[in-house]
Each structure stands twice: as C-alpha cells, then as structure tokens.
C-alpha cells in the first residue's frame, strides 16, 4: 500500500513537467511566428501591392540596382527607361522599391 502511494506521488511531477515542456514549445513557436513570420508576410504583401500598382512614370529600382522610369507595364514585365534612348525590359518581380523614396 505504501509503495503505490509513493508511485502515484512520483507520477504527478513527470506529467506536470511534460505539460510544461509542451507548453514552452508552443510558446516558443507562437513568439517566433509573431516576431519573425508575421512581419515577413506583411512585407511580402506590401511589396506585391507595390508591384501590382506600378504605372507609367513611376521611378523604381530593380534588384540589380538599376534606376529607371516605368514606360510600359505588362502582366509579368515592365519596360524601364534608364537614359534618354535606353530602355530595358525587366521582370516585374525584380522591382523592389520606389526610387523617389531613396533619392530624398
């Protein structure tokens, strides 16, 4: 009888520590999602909205560092005017930011 009481008393702390471990793992995942994944998704949505809203006359910068003015917008590409007579067709996904914000 005394042995079963001691065994029962010993079983409770291991169950509690197991629940605490799972609780900590879940808490770590939630914190990681809140501080890392959520802001990254928000930034991706903003970038996609920026690319979808491109129009003729916008000044942009590509991933490769090319500054230009949008001359034409198609579904998946844009035509950039880089200099007086120089125009480049680039993928819409390569445009990363508005150059008017970087030049101020």
C-alpha atoms as a PDB file:
ATOM      1  CA  UNK A   1       0.000   0.000   0.000  1.00  0.00           C
ATOM      2  CA  UNK A   2       2.796   2.412   0.874  1.00  0.00           C
ATOM      3  CA  UNK A   3       4.587   1.694  -2.421  1.00  0.00           C
ATOM      4  CA  UNK A   4       1.556   2.554  -4.573  1.00  0.00           C
ATOM      5  CA  UNK A   5       1.121   5.883  -2.785  1.00  0.00           C
ATOM      6  CA  UNK A   6       4.760   6.762  -3.429  1.00  0.00           C
ATOM      7  CA  UNK A   7       4.484   5.700  -7.070  1.00  0.00           C
ATOM      8  CA  UNK A   8       1.381   7.821  -7.522  1.00  0.00           C
ATOM      9  CA  UNK A   9       3.096  10.796  -5.936  1.00  0.00           C
ATOM     10  CA  UNK A  10       6.108  10.289  -8.216  1.00  0.00           C
ATOM     11  CA  UNK A  11       3.954  10.133 -11.353  1.00  0.00           C
ATOM     12  CA  UNK A  12       2.397  13.569 -10.928  1.00  0.00           C
ATOM     13  CA  UNK A  13       5.576  15.647 -11.282  1.00  0.00           C
ATOM     14  CA  UNK A  14       6.609  13.893 -14.515  1.00  0.00           C
ATOM     15  CA  UNK A  15       3.191  14.606 -16.056  1.00  0.00           C
ATOM     16  CA  UNK A  16       3.413  18.227 -14.959  1.00  0.00           C
ATOM     17  CA  UNK A  17       6.930  18.606 -16.341  1.00  0.00           C
ATOM     18  CA  UNK A  18       5.809  17.019 -19.611  1.00  0.00           C
ATOM     19  CA  UNK A  19       2.954  19.527 -19.887  1.00  0.00           C
ATOM     20  CA  UNK A  20       5.331  22.374 -19.040  1.00  0.00           C
ATOM     21  CA  UNK A  21       7.710  21.225 -21.789  1.00  0.00           C
ATOM     22  CA  UNK A  22       4.929  21.134 -24.391  1.00  0.00           C
ATOM     23  CA  UNK A  23       3.674  24.486 -23.166  1.00  0.00           C
ATOM     24  CA  UNK A  24       7.120  26.026 -23.565  1.00  0.00           C
ATOM     25  CA  UNK A  25       7.489  24.592 -27.084  1.00  0.00           C
ATOM     26  CA  UNK A  26       4.135  26.028 -28.091  1.00  0.00           C
ATOM     27  CA  UNK A  27       5.037  29.382 -26.540  1.00  0.00           C
ATOM     28  CA  UNK A  28       8.348  29.460 -28.425  1.00  0.00           C
ATOM     29  CA  UNK A  29       6.548  28.742 -31.710  1.00  0.00           C
ATOM     30  CA  UNK A  30       3.975  31.488 -31.080  1.00  0.00           C
ATOM     31  CA  UNK A  31       6.665  34.035 -30.222  1.00  0.00           C
ATOM     32  CA  UNK A  32       8.705  33.030 -33.274  1.00  0.00           C
ATOM     33  CA  UNK A  33       5.644  33.379 -35.517  1.00  0.00           C
ATOM     34  CA  UNK A  34       4.751  36.749 -34.010  1.00  0.00           C
ATOM     35  CA  UNK A  35       8.228  38.285 -34.341  1.00  0.00           C
ATOM     36  CA  UNK A  36       9.564  36.613 -37.485  1.00  0.00           C
ATOM     37  CA  UNK A  37       6.980  35.061 -39.801  1.00  0.00           C
ATOM     38  CA  UNK A  38       4.177  37.615 -39.419  1.00  0.00           C
ATOM     39  CA  UNK A  39       6.315  40.708 -40.268  1.00  0.00           C
ATOM     40  CA  UNK A  40       7.858  38.912 -43.237  1.00  0.00           C
ATOM     41  CA  UNK A  41       4.426  38.040 -44.649  1.00  0.00           C
ATOM     42  CA  UNK A  42       3.301  41.638 -44.168  1.00  0.00           C
ATOM     43  CA  UNK A  43       6.374  42.903 -46.015  1.00  0.00           C
ATOM     44  CA  UNK A  44       5.769  40.461 -48.879  1.00  0.00           C
ATOM     45  CA  UNK A  45       2.155  41.606 -49.204  1.00  0.00           C
ATOM     46  CA  UNK A  46       3.235  45.265 -49.298  1.00  0.00           C
ATOM     47  CA  UNK A  47       5.838  44.523 -51.987  1.00  0.00           C
ATOM     48  CA  UNK A  48       3.279  42.630 -54.075  1.00  0.00           C
ATOM     49  CA  UNK A  49       0.802  45.505 -53.741  1.00  0.00           C
ATOM     50  CA  UNK A  50       3.553  47.930 -54.827  1.00  0.00           C
ATOM     51  CA  UNK A  51       4.345  45.814 -57.905  1.00  0.00           C
ATOM     52  CA  UNK A  52       0.671  45.467 -58.812  1.00  0.00           C
ATOM     53  CA  UNK A  53       0.229  49.241 -58.554  1.00  0.00           C
ATOM     54  CA  UNK A  54       3.076  50.190 -60.903  1.00  0.00           C
ATOM     55  CA  UNK A  55       2.122  52.637 -63.631  1.00  0.00           C
ATOM     56  CA  UNK A  56       3.793  54.684 -66.342  1.00  0.00           C
ATOM     57  CA  UNK A  57       6.015  57.424 -64.938  1.00  0.00           C
ATOM     58  CA  UNK A  58       6.870  55.697 -61.633  1.00  0.00           C
ATOM     59  CA  UNK A  59      10.542  55.846 -60.697  1.00  0.00           C
ATOM     60  CA  UNK A  60      11.783  52.455 -59.464  1.00  0.00           C
ATOM     61  CA  UNK A  61      14.876  50.452 -58.524  1.00  0.00           C
ATOM     62  CA  UNK A  62      15.442  46.837 -59.556  1.00  0.00           C
ATOM     63  CA  UNK A  63      17.077  44.073 -57.548  1.00  0.00           C
ATOM     64  CA  UNK A  64      20.236  44.629 -59.607  1.00  0.00           C
ATOM     65  CA  UNK A  65      20.379  48.308 -58.630  1.00  0.00           C
ATOM     66  CA  UNK A  66      19.136  49.747 -61.921  1.00  0.00           C
ATOM     67  CA  UNK A  67      17.267  53.040 -61.505  1.00  0.00           C
ATOM     68  CA  UNK A  68      14.671  53.835 -64.127  1.00  0.00           C
ATOM     69  CA  UNK A  69      11.276  55.235 -65.014  1.00  0.00           C
ATOM     70  CA  UNK A  70       8.435  52.902 -65.934  1.00  0.00           C
ATOM     71  CA  UNK A  71       7.440  53.313 -69.590  1.00  0.00           C
ATOM     72  CA  UNK A  72       5.138  50.329 -70.041  1.00  0.00           C
ATOM     73  CA  UNK A  73       3.566  47.744 -67.710  1.00  0.00           C
ATOM     74  CA  UNK A  74       2.588  44.234 -68.782  1.00  0.00           C
ATOM     75  CA  UNK A  75       1.367  41.250 -66.760  1.00  0.00           C
ATOM     76  CA  UNK A  76       4.791  39.938 -65.784  1.00  0.00           C
ATOM     77  CA  UNK A  77       7.248  42.537 -67.077  1.00  0.00           C
ATOM     78  CA  UNK A  78       7.844  46.272 -67.294  1.00  0.00           C
ATOM     79  CA  UNK A  79       9.752  48.484 -69.694  1.00  0.00           C
ATOM     80  CA  UNK A  80      12.155  50.807 -67.876  1.00  0.00           C
ATOM     81  CA  UNK A  81      13.572  53.969 -69.390  1.00  0.00           C
ATOM     82  CA  UNK A  82      17.090  54.126 -67.984  1.00  0.00           C
ATOM     83  CA  UNK A  83      18.533  57.001 -70.026  1.00  0.00           C
ATOM     84  CA  UNK A  84      17.409  59.185 -72.943  1.00  0.00           C
ATOM     85  CA  UNK A  85      17.233  56.364 -75.513  1.00  0.00           C
ATOM     86  CA  UNK A  86      17.997  53.337 -73.353  1.00  0.00           C
ATOM     87  CA  UNK A  87      15.077  51.123 -72.380  1.00  0.00           C
ATOM     88  CA  UNK A  88      15.200  47.767 -70.616  1.00  0.00           C
ATOM     89  CA  UNK A  89      12.502  45.142 -70.238  1.00  0.00           C
ATOM     90  CA  UNK A  90      12.718  43.560 -66.784  1.00  0.00           C
ATOM     91  CA  UNK A  91      10.600  41.109 -64.835  1.00  0.00           C
ATOM     92  CA  UNK A  92       8.060  42.785 -62.598  1.00  0.00           C
ATOM     93  CA  UNK A  93       9.330  40.658 -59.710  1.00  0.00           C
ATOM     94  CA  UNK A  94      12.757  42.313 -59.972  1.00  0.00           C
ATOM     95  CA  UNK A  95      11.394  45.734 -58.980  1.00  0.00           C
ATOM     96  CA  UNK A  96      11.949  46.211 -55.271  1.00  0.00           C
ATOM     97  CA  UNK A  97      11.251  49.823 -54.360  1.00  0.00           C
ATOM     98  CA  UNK A  98      10.240  53.294 -55.374  1.00  0.00           C
ATOM     99  CA  UNK A  99      13.371  55.303 -56.193  1.00  0.00           C
ATOM    100  CA  UNK A 100      11.775  58.626 -55.219  1.00  0.00           C
ATOM    101  CA  UNK A 101      11.917  57.443 -51.602  1.00  0.00           C
ATOM    102  CA  UNK A 102      15.610  56.508 -51.843  1.00  0.00           C
ATOM    103  CA  UNK A 103      16.753  59.732 -53.515  1.00  0.00           C
ATOM    104  CA  UNK A 104      15.330  62.155 -50.945  1.00  0.00           C
END
